Protein backbone atom coordinates (compact mmCIF):
# COMPACT_ATOMS: atom_id res chain seq x y z
CA MET A 1 77.64 110.19 144.48
CA CYS A 2 75.69 106.67 146.11
CA LEU A 3 76.43 103.33 145.11
CA ARG A 4 73.13 101.32 146.16
CA LEU A 5 74.02 97.51 146.48
CA PRO A 6 71.20 95.03 145.72
CA GLY A 7 69.32 93.75 148.80
CA ALA A 8 69.75 90.14 147.74
CA TRP A 9 73.63 90.97 147.67
CA GLN A 10 73.33 92.00 151.30
CA ARG A 11 72.05 88.73 152.09
CA CYS A 12 74.08 86.84 150.47
CA PRO A 13 76.26 83.82 152.32
CA ARG A 14 79.51 85.90 153.63
CA ARG A 15 81.65 83.46 151.55
CA ASP A 16 80.11 85.64 148.52
CA ALA A 17 80.47 88.91 149.87
CA ALA A 18 83.48 89.22 149.54
CA ALA A 19 83.38 88.43 146.42
CA GLY A 20 80.56 90.96 145.70
CA ALA A 21 82.81 93.35 147.50
CA ALA A 22 85.64 92.79 145.05
CA GLN A 23 82.77 93.64 142.16
CA VAL A 24 82.09 96.60 144.05
CA MET A 25 85.49 98.08 145.05
CA THR A 26 86.52 97.67 141.42
CA VAL A 27 83.85 99.68 139.76
CA VAL A 28 84.54 101.98 142.22
CA LYS A 29 87.84 102.34 141.00
CA SER A 30 87.45 102.67 138.10
CA LEU A 31 85.37 105.24 138.30
CA VAL A 32 88.19 107.33 140.50
CA LYS A 33 90.37 106.54 137.25
CA SER A 34 87.83 108.03 135.42
CA GLY A 35 88.31 111.48 137.33
CA MET A 36 85.91 110.75 140.16
CA THR A 37 86.28 111.67 143.61
CA ILE A 38 85.14 108.86 146.08
CA CYS A 39 84.49 109.33 149.55
CA ALA A 40 83.56 105.32 150.83
CA THR A 41 83.81 103.57 154.43
CA ILE A 42 84.49 99.75 154.24
CA HIS A 43 84.50 97.19 157.22
CA SER A 44 87.23 94.62 157.04
CA PRO A 45 88.13 94.91 153.84
CA THR A 46 89.91 91.84 151.89
CA PRO A 47 93.46 92.41 151.17
CA TYR A 48 92.88 92.66 147.78
CA CYS A 49 90.05 95.91 148.17
CA PHE A 50 92.23 97.24 150.78
CA ASN A 51 94.98 97.84 148.57
CA LEU A 52 92.28 99.62 146.03
CA PHE A 53 92.06 103.09 148.02
CA ASP A 54 95.08 105.49 147.26
CA THR A 55 94.51 107.70 150.37
CA LEU A 56 93.54 106.54 153.92
CA MET A 57 92.16 107.91 156.57
CA ILE A 58 91.93 105.12 159.71
CA LEU A 59 90.03 106.05 162.90
CA LEU A 60 90.09 104.36 166.65
CA ARG A 61 87.42 104.98 169.12
CA GLY A 62 86.39 108.04 166.75
CA ASN A 63 90.21 109.61 166.60
CA VAL A 64 92.48 109.36 163.19
CA VAL A 65 95.41 107.38 163.79
CA TYR A 66 96.36 107.60 160.20
CA PHE A 67 95.70 109.67 157.37
CA GLY A 68 97.93 109.35 154.13
CA GLU A 69 98.52 107.31 151.44
CA ASN A 70 98.20 103.71 150.73
CA GLY A 71 101.42 101.76 150.79
CA ALA A 72 103.29 103.97 153.14
CA PRO A 73 105.24 102.81 155.87
CA ARG A 74 102.87 99.91 158.44
CA GLN A 75 102.86 101.05 162.47
CA ASN A 76 101.21 99.08 164.76
CA VAL A 77 97.76 100.44 165.55
CA SER A 78 96.59 99.38 168.58
CA GLY A 79 93.67 99.99 170.76
């Protein structure tokens, strides 16, 4: 499944982008709750959007530095 965002959303001012991303991620989370599996990438998520993810794969320079549940003990990841 692909979600395509309207071009107008992609061009909106930065302050509105966070609100739009939150709305999209809320819809995505509702799809997950209905039983659908979603694989998504997100760049610089707000704390709200980040916390919607159940499982994380965090990459640093193309290498997996964390894979597991969201909310697991935090480790300092620096590059």
